[in-house]
N, C-alpha and C. Protein backbone atom coordinates (compact mmCIF):
# COMPACT_ATOMS: atom_id res chain seq x y z
N MET A 1 52.93 219.04 47.02
CA MET A 1 51.89 220.00 47.33
C MET A 1 52.18 221.31 46.60
N SER A 2 51.21 221.82 45.90
CA SER A 2 51.40 223.08 45.20
C SER A 2 50.91 224.23 46.07
N ILE A 3 51.58 225.35 45.94
CA ILE A 3 51.25 226.54 46.71
C ILE A 3 50.60 227.54 45.77
N LYS A 4 49.47 228.08 46.19
CA LYS A 4 48.79 229.09 45.39
C LYS A 4 49.09 230.46 45.97
N PHE A 5 49.56 231.35 45.10
CA PHE A 5 49.92 232.69 45.52
C PHE A 5 48.84 233.69 45.13
N GLN A 6 48.67 234.71 45.98
CA GLN A 6 47.80 235.81 45.64
C GLN A 6 48.57 236.74 44.70
N THR A 7 47.86 237.63 44.05
CA THR A 7 48.47 238.53 43.09
C THR A 7 49.60 239.36 43.71
N GLN A 8 49.39 239.85 44.93
CA GLN A 8 50.41 240.68 45.58
C GLN A 8 51.68 239.87 45.86
N ASN A 9 51.52 238.60 46.23
CA ASN A 9 52.69 237.75 46.47
C ASN A 9 53.48 237.55 45.19
N ILE A 10 52.79 237.38 44.07
CA ILE A 10 53.47 237.22 42.78
C ILE A 10 54.25 238.47 42.43
N ARG A 11 53.67 239.63 42.69
CA ARG A 11 54.39 240.89 42.45
C ARG A 11 55.62 240.99 43.33
N ASP A 12 55.48 240.62 44.61
CA ASP A 12 56.62 240.66 45.53
C ASP A 12 57.73 239.74 45.06
N ILE A 13 57.36 238.54 44.62
CA ILE A 13 58.34 237.57 44.14
C ILE A 13 59.06 238.11 42.90
N CYS A 14 58.33 238.71 41.99
CA CYS A 14 58.94 239.28 40.78
C CYS A 14 59.96 240.36 41.12
N VAL A 15 59.59 241.25 42.03
CA VAL A 15 60.51 242.31 42.45
C VAL A 15 61.75 241.70 43.09
N PHE A 16 61.55 240.76 44.00
CA PHE A 16 62.67 240.13 44.70
C PHE A 16 63.61 239.44 43.72
N GLU A 17 63.06 238.65 42.80
CA GLU A 17 63.89 237.92 41.85
C GLU A 17 64.60 238.85 40.87
N ARG A 18 63.93 239.93 40.47
CA ARG A 18 64.55 240.88 39.54
C ARG A 18 65.74 241.59 40.20
N VAL A 19 65.58 241.99 41.45
CA VAL A 19 66.64 242.73 42.14
C VAL A 19 67.78 241.82 42.60
N THR A 20 67.45 240.65 43.16
CA THR A 20 68.48 239.79 43.76
C THR A 20 69.05 238.74 42.82
N LYS A 21 68.32 238.40 41.76
CA LYS A 21 68.69 237.31 40.84
C LYS A 21 68.68 235.96 41.55
N VAL A 22 67.85 235.82 42.58
CA VAL A 22 67.72 234.57 43.34
C VAL A 22 66.28 234.08 43.19
N HIS A 23 66.14 232.77 42.92
CA HIS A 23 64.82 232.17 42.75
C HIS A 23 64.11 232.03 44.10
N VAL A 24 62.83 232.38 44.14
CA VAL A 24 62.01 232.29 45.35
C VAL A 24 61.16 231.03 45.29
N LYS A 25 61.17 230.25 46.38
CA LYS A 25 60.34 229.05 46.46
C LYS A 25 58.98 229.34 47.09
N ASP A 26 58.94 230.31 48.00
CA ASP A 26 57.69 230.61 48.70
C ASP A 26 57.75 232.05 49.21
N CYS A 27 56.59 232.63 49.41
CA CYS A 27 56.50 234.02 49.87
C CYS A 27 55.25 234.18 50.73
N ILE A 28 55.42 234.84 51.87
CA ILE A 28 54.29 235.16 52.73
C ILE A 28 54.39 236.64 53.07
N ARG A 29 53.25 237.32 52.98
CA ARG A 29 53.20 238.76 53.26
C ARG A 29 52.26 239.00 54.43
N ASP A 30 52.69 239.88 55.35
CA ASP A 30 51.77 240.33 56.39
C ASP A 30 51.75 241.86 56.35
N GLU A 31 51.14 242.49 57.34
CA GLU A 31 50.95 243.94 57.28
C GLU A 31 52.24 244.74 57.31
N ASN A 32 53.31 244.21 57.91
CA ASN A 32 54.56 244.97 58.03
C ASN A 32 55.74 244.39 57.27
N SER A 33 55.68 243.13 56.90
CA SER A 33 56.84 242.44 56.35
C SER A 33 56.48 241.52 55.20
N VAL A 34 57.52 241.17 54.45
CA VAL A 34 57.41 240.14 53.43
C VAL A 34 58.50 239.11 53.71
N TYR A 35 58.11 237.84 53.78
CA TYR A 35 59.03 236.75 54.09
C TYR A 35 59.22 235.91 52.84
N PHE A 36 60.48 235.67 52.48
CA PHE A 36 60.78 234.89 51.29
C PHE A 36 61.52 233.62 51.67
N MET A 37 61.14 232.52 51.04
CA MET A 37 61.85 231.26 51.17
C MET A 37 62.62 231.11 49.87
N ILE A 38 63.97 231.08 49.96
CA ILE A 38 64.80 231.06 48.76
C ILE A 38 65.57 229.75 48.64
N GLU A 39 66.24 229.57 47.52
CA GLU A 39 67.02 228.36 47.25
C GLU A 39 68.13 228.20 48.29
N THR A 40 68.52 226.97 48.52
CA THR A 40 69.59 226.65 49.45
C THR A 40 70.90 227.26 48.97
N GLY A 41 71.63 227.89 49.89
CA GLY A 41 72.95 228.44 49.59
C GLY A 41 72.95 229.78 48.89
N LYS A 42 71.81 230.41 48.74
CA LYS A 42 71.73 231.68 48.01
C LYS A 42 71.48 232.89 48.91
N SER A 43 71.51 232.71 50.22
CA SER A 43 71.19 233.84 51.10
C SER A 43 72.23 234.96 51.01
N GLY A 44 73.49 234.61 50.83
CA GLY A 44 74.52 235.65 50.70
C GLY A 44 74.28 236.51 49.48
N LEU A 45 73.90 235.90 48.40
CA LEU A 45 73.62 236.62 47.16
C LEU A 45 72.38 237.50 47.33
N ALA A 46 71.38 236.98 48.04
CA ALA A 46 70.14 237.74 48.24
C ALA A 46 70.34 238.92 49.18
N ILE A 47 71.20 238.76 50.18
CA ILE A 47 71.42 239.83 51.15
C ILE A 47 72.38 240.88 50.59
N GLY A 48 73.43 240.44 49.92
CA GLY A 48 74.40 241.36 49.33
C GLY A 48 75.40 241.88 50.35
N LYS A 49 76.39 242.57 49.87
CA LYS A 49 77.45 243.11 50.73
C LYS A 49 76.86 244.19 51.63
N ASN A 50 77.06 244.01 52.93
CA ASN A 50 76.53 244.92 53.95
C ASN A 50 75.00 245.07 53.87
N GLY A 51 74.32 244.07 53.31
CA GLY A 51 72.87 244.10 53.23
C GLY A 51 72.32 245.03 52.17
N ALA A 52 73.15 245.43 51.23
CA ALA A 52 72.73 246.42 50.22
C ALA A 52 71.59 245.91 49.34
N VAL A 53 71.65 244.67 48.93
CA VAL A 53 70.64 244.12 48.02
C VAL A 53 69.30 243.99 48.73
N ILE A 54 69.32 243.44 49.92
CA ILE A 54 68.06 243.23 50.66
C ILE A 54 67.44 244.59 51.06
N LYS A 55 68.27 245.58 51.32
CA LYS A 55 67.76 246.92 51.62
C LYS A 55 67.10 247.53 50.39
N ALA A 56 67.66 247.25 49.21
CA ALA A 56 67.06 247.75 47.96
C ALA A 56 65.69 247.11 47.74
N VAL A 57 65.58 245.82 47.99
CA VAL A 57 64.30 245.13 47.86
C VAL A 57 63.29 245.71 48.84
N SER A 58 63.73 245.93 50.06
CA SER A 58 62.87 246.50 51.10
C SER A 58 62.37 247.88 50.71
N ARG A 59 63.24 248.67 50.14
CA ARG A 59 62.86 250.02 49.70
C ARG A 59 61.81 249.96 48.59
N VAL A 60 62.01 249.07 47.63
CA VAL A 60 61.07 248.95 46.51
C VAL A 60 59.71 248.46 46.98
N LEU A 61 59.71 247.46 47.87
CA LEU A 61 58.45 246.90 48.36
C LEU A 61 57.80 247.76 49.43
N GLY A 62 58.59 248.60 50.09
CA GLY A 62 58.05 249.45 51.15
C GLY A 62 57.73 248.68 52.42
N LYS A 63 58.36 247.53 52.60
CA LYS A 63 58.14 246.70 53.78
C LYS A 63 59.46 246.08 54.21
N THR A 64 59.49 245.62 55.46
CA THR A 64 60.65 244.88 55.94
C THR A 64 60.70 243.54 55.22
N VAL A 65 61.89 243.13 54.80
CA VAL A 65 62.06 241.88 54.07
C VAL A 65 62.89 240.92 54.92
N LYS A 66 62.38 239.70 55.07
CA LYS A 66 63.11 238.66 55.79
C LYS A 66 63.26 237.46 54.86
N VAL A 67 64.43 236.83 54.92
CA VAL A 67 64.76 235.76 54.00
C VAL A 67 65.14 234.50 54.79
N PHE A 68 64.58 233.37 54.37
CA PHE A 68 64.93 232.07 54.93
C PHE A 68 65.41 231.18 53.79
N GLU A 69 66.42 230.34 54.07
CA GLU A 69 66.87 229.38 53.07
C GLU A 69 66.05 228.12 53.17
N PHE A 70 65.65 227.59 52.02
CA PHE A 70 64.92 226.33 51.99
C PHE A 70 65.89 225.18 52.21
N ALA A 71 65.41 224.13 52.85
CA ALA A 71 66.19 222.91 53.03
C ALA A 71 65.28 221.72 52.76
N GLY A 72 65.84 220.67 52.22
CA GLY A 72 65.07 219.49 51.88
C GLY A 72 64.61 218.69 53.08
N ASP A 73 65.36 218.77 54.20
CA ASP A 73 64.93 218.03 55.38
C ASP A 73 64.45 219.00 56.47
N LEU A 74 63.54 218.51 57.27
CA LEU A 74 62.84 219.35 58.25
C LEU A 74 63.76 219.96 59.30
N GLU A 75 64.68 219.18 59.84
CA GLU A 75 65.55 219.69 60.90
C GLU A 75 66.42 220.85 60.41
N THR A 76 67.00 220.71 59.24
CA THR A 76 67.82 221.79 58.67
C THR A 76 66.98 223.02 58.38
N MET A 77 65.77 222.80 57.92
CA MET A 77 64.85 223.91 57.63
C MET A 77 64.56 224.70 58.90
N VAL A 78 64.28 224.01 59.99
CA VAL A 78 64.00 224.68 61.26
C VAL A 78 65.24 225.43 61.73
N LYS A 79 66.41 224.83 61.60
CA LYS A 79 67.65 225.51 62.01
C LYS A 79 67.95 226.71 61.13
N ASN A 80 67.54 226.69 59.87
CA ASN A 80 67.69 227.86 59.01
C ASN A 80 66.78 229.00 59.47
N MET A 81 65.59 228.66 59.95
CA MET A 81 64.65 229.68 60.40
C MET A 81 64.96 230.17 61.81
N VAL A 82 65.49 229.29 62.65
CA VAL A 82 65.84 229.64 64.03
C VAL A 82 67.32 229.29 64.24
N PRO A 83 68.23 230.20 63.84
CA PRO A 83 69.66 229.88 63.92
C PRO A 83 70.18 229.62 65.33
N THR A 84 69.50 230.12 66.35
CA THR A 84 69.96 229.94 67.73
C THR A 84 69.40 228.68 68.37
N ALA A 85 68.77 227.82 67.58
CA ALA A 85 68.18 226.59 68.12
C ALA A 85 69.27 225.67 68.66
N LYS A 86 69.10 225.25 69.91
CA LYS A 86 70.03 224.30 70.52
C LYS A 86 69.72 222.88 70.07
N SER A 87 68.43 222.55 70.01
CA SER A 87 68.02 221.22 69.55
C SER A 87 66.64 221.31 68.89
N VAL A 88 66.39 220.34 68.03
CA VAL A 88 65.12 220.26 67.32
C VAL A 88 64.59 218.84 67.48
N GLU A 89 63.38 218.72 68.05
CA GLU A 89 62.75 217.42 68.21
C GLU A 89 61.56 217.35 67.27
N ILE A 90 61.50 216.27 66.49
CA ILE A 90 60.47 216.13 65.48
C ILE A 90 59.61 214.92 65.81
N SER A 91 58.29 215.14 65.83
CA SER A 91 57.35 214.03 65.95
C SER A 91 56.49 214.02 64.69
N LYS A 92 55.41 213.29 64.71
CA LYS A 92 54.60 213.10 63.50
C LYS A 92 54.20 214.41 62.82
N ASP A 93 53.52 215.29 63.53
CA ASP A 93 53.08 216.55 62.92
C ASP A 93 53.46 217.77 63.73
N SER A 94 54.48 217.63 64.59
CA SER A 94 54.91 218.77 65.39
C SER A 94 56.43 218.82 65.51
N VAL A 95 56.90 220.03 65.78
CA VAL A 95 58.33 220.27 65.97
C VAL A 95 58.49 221.05 67.26
N THR A 96 59.42 220.62 68.11
CA THR A 96 59.75 221.34 69.34
C THR A 96 61.18 221.83 69.23
N VAL A 97 61.37 223.13 69.39
CA VAL A 97 62.68 223.75 69.26
C VAL A 97 63.12 224.28 70.61
N THR A 98 64.32 223.90 71.03
CA THR A 98 64.89 224.42 72.28
C THR A 98 65.78 225.60 71.93
N ILE A 99 65.48 226.75 72.56
CA ILE A 99 66.25 227.97 72.30
C ILE A 99 66.63 228.61 73.63
N PRO A 100 67.69 229.45 73.64
CA PRO A 100 68.02 230.18 74.87
C PRO A 100 66.92 231.18 75.22
N ASN A 101 66.70 231.39 76.51
CA ASN A 101 65.65 232.33 76.96
C ASN A 101 65.88 233.74 76.42
N SER A 102 67.14 234.13 76.24
CA SER A 102 67.43 235.49 75.77
C SER A 102 66.95 235.72 74.33
N ASP A 103 66.82 234.66 73.54
CA ASP A 103 66.39 234.78 72.14
C ASP A 103 64.91 234.52 71.94
N ARG A 104 64.23 234.18 72.99
CA ARG A 104 62.82 233.78 72.90
C ARG A 104 61.93 234.88 72.28
N SER A 105 62.08 236.11 72.74
CA SER A 105 61.23 237.19 72.24
C SER A 105 61.51 237.51 70.78
N VAL A 106 62.74 237.35 70.34
CA VAL A 106 63.09 237.61 68.94
C VAL A 106 62.48 236.54 68.04
N VAL A 107 62.55 235.29 68.47
CA VAL A 107 62.00 234.19 67.67
C VAL A 107 60.47 234.30 67.58
N ILE A 108 59.82 234.62 68.69
CA ILE A 108 58.36 234.74 68.70
C ILE A 108 57.91 235.97 67.92
N GLY A 109 58.56 237.10 68.13
CA GLY A 109 58.20 238.32 67.43
C GLY A 109 57.03 239.03 68.08
N ARG A 110 56.80 240.26 67.68
CA ARG A 110 55.70 241.05 68.22
C ARG A 110 54.37 240.40 67.87
N SER A 111 53.56 240.19 68.86
CA SER A 111 52.24 239.54 68.72
C SER A 111 52.34 238.14 68.11
N GLY A 112 53.49 237.49 68.24
CA GLY A 112 53.67 236.14 67.72
C GLY A 112 53.82 236.07 66.21
N ARG A 113 54.13 237.20 65.59
CA ARG A 113 54.18 237.29 64.13
C ARG A 113 55.22 236.35 63.52
N ASN A 114 56.45 236.36 64.04
CA ASN A 114 57.51 235.54 63.47
C ASN A 114 57.21 234.05 63.58
N ILE A 115 56.74 233.63 64.74
CA ILE A 115 56.46 232.21 64.95
C ILE A 115 55.31 231.74 64.06
N LYS A 116 54.33 232.62 63.82
CA LYS A 116 53.22 232.27 62.93
C LYS A 116 53.71 232.06 61.50
N ILE A 117 54.60 232.92 61.05
CA ILE A 117 55.14 232.81 59.70
C ILE A 117 55.96 231.53 59.56
N MET A 118 56.81 231.23 60.54
CA MET A 118 57.60 230.01 60.50
C MET A 118 56.70 228.78 60.48
N LYS A 119 55.66 228.81 61.28
CA LYS A 119 54.71 227.69 61.32
C LYS A 119 54.03 227.53 59.96
N GLU A 120 53.68 228.63 59.33
CA GLU A 120 53.03 228.57 58.02
C GLU A 120 53.96 227.97 56.96
N PHE A 121 55.23 228.38 56.97
CA PHE A 121 56.20 227.79 56.03
C PHE A 121 56.33 226.28 56.26
N LEU A 122 56.43 225.88 57.52
CA LEU A 122 56.57 224.45 57.84
C LEU A 122 55.31 223.67 57.44
N LYS A 123 54.16 224.29 57.60
CA LYS A 123 52.91 223.65 57.23
C LYS A 123 52.83 223.45 55.71
N ARG A 124 53.25 224.46 54.96
CA ARG A 124 53.18 224.39 53.50
C ARG A 124 54.14 223.35 52.92
N HIS A 125 55.34 223.25 53.49
CA HIS A 125 56.37 222.42 52.88
C HIS A 125 56.55 221.05 53.53
N PHE A 126 56.18 220.91 54.82
CA PHE A 126 56.43 219.64 55.52
C PHE A 126 55.19 219.10 56.23
N LYS A 127 54.05 219.75 56.07
CA LYS A 127 52.80 219.33 56.72
C LYS A 127 52.94 219.25 58.24
N ILE A 128 53.63 220.23 58.82
CA ILE A 128 53.79 220.33 60.26
C ILE A 128 52.72 221.28 60.79
N ASN A 129 51.92 220.82 61.76
CA ASN A 129 50.83 221.64 62.30
C ASN A 129 51.20 222.40 63.56
N TYR A 130 52.20 221.93 64.29
CA TYR A 130 52.53 222.55 65.57
C TYR A 130 54.03 222.86 65.64
N LEU A 131 54.33 224.07 66.06
CA LEU A 131 55.70 224.50 66.29
C LEU A 131 55.76 225.01 67.71
N ARG A 132 56.54 224.35 68.54
CA ARG A 132 56.64 224.72 69.96
C ARG A 132 58.05 225.17 70.29
N LEU A 133 58.13 226.11 71.21
CA LEU A 133 59.44 226.56 71.71
C LEU A 133 59.62 226.10 73.13
N ARG A 134 60.81 225.70 73.43
CA ARG A 134 61.11 225.30 74.81
C ARG A 134 62.36 226.03 75.24
């Protein structure tokens, strides 16, 4: 499945790749943040020592930047996006993630923003339509 980017997403990807030297697989932008899906094993390089590199990207873009590592299999991908996941159950077109109650608000985000972005990434790369938290 090919992903079509808007012009602003292409600009964001160019800035991110130029500053971090890490290849971007996918990018989603909302009103406050830019979310990048990067190559497996490159998150340390993208974040930098004490977060210096990711802060530089954030400053240039003028938005909060969040980074997820891409994974070839669905379960690892979900665990990359939700590090506090206790278990991941996968059915045909849905994923159910069990998380501690204390982390629930962080995973969902304000107005459900984080969960919507995660669902969109899963939809684009794995054709998953439903993401549930338990």
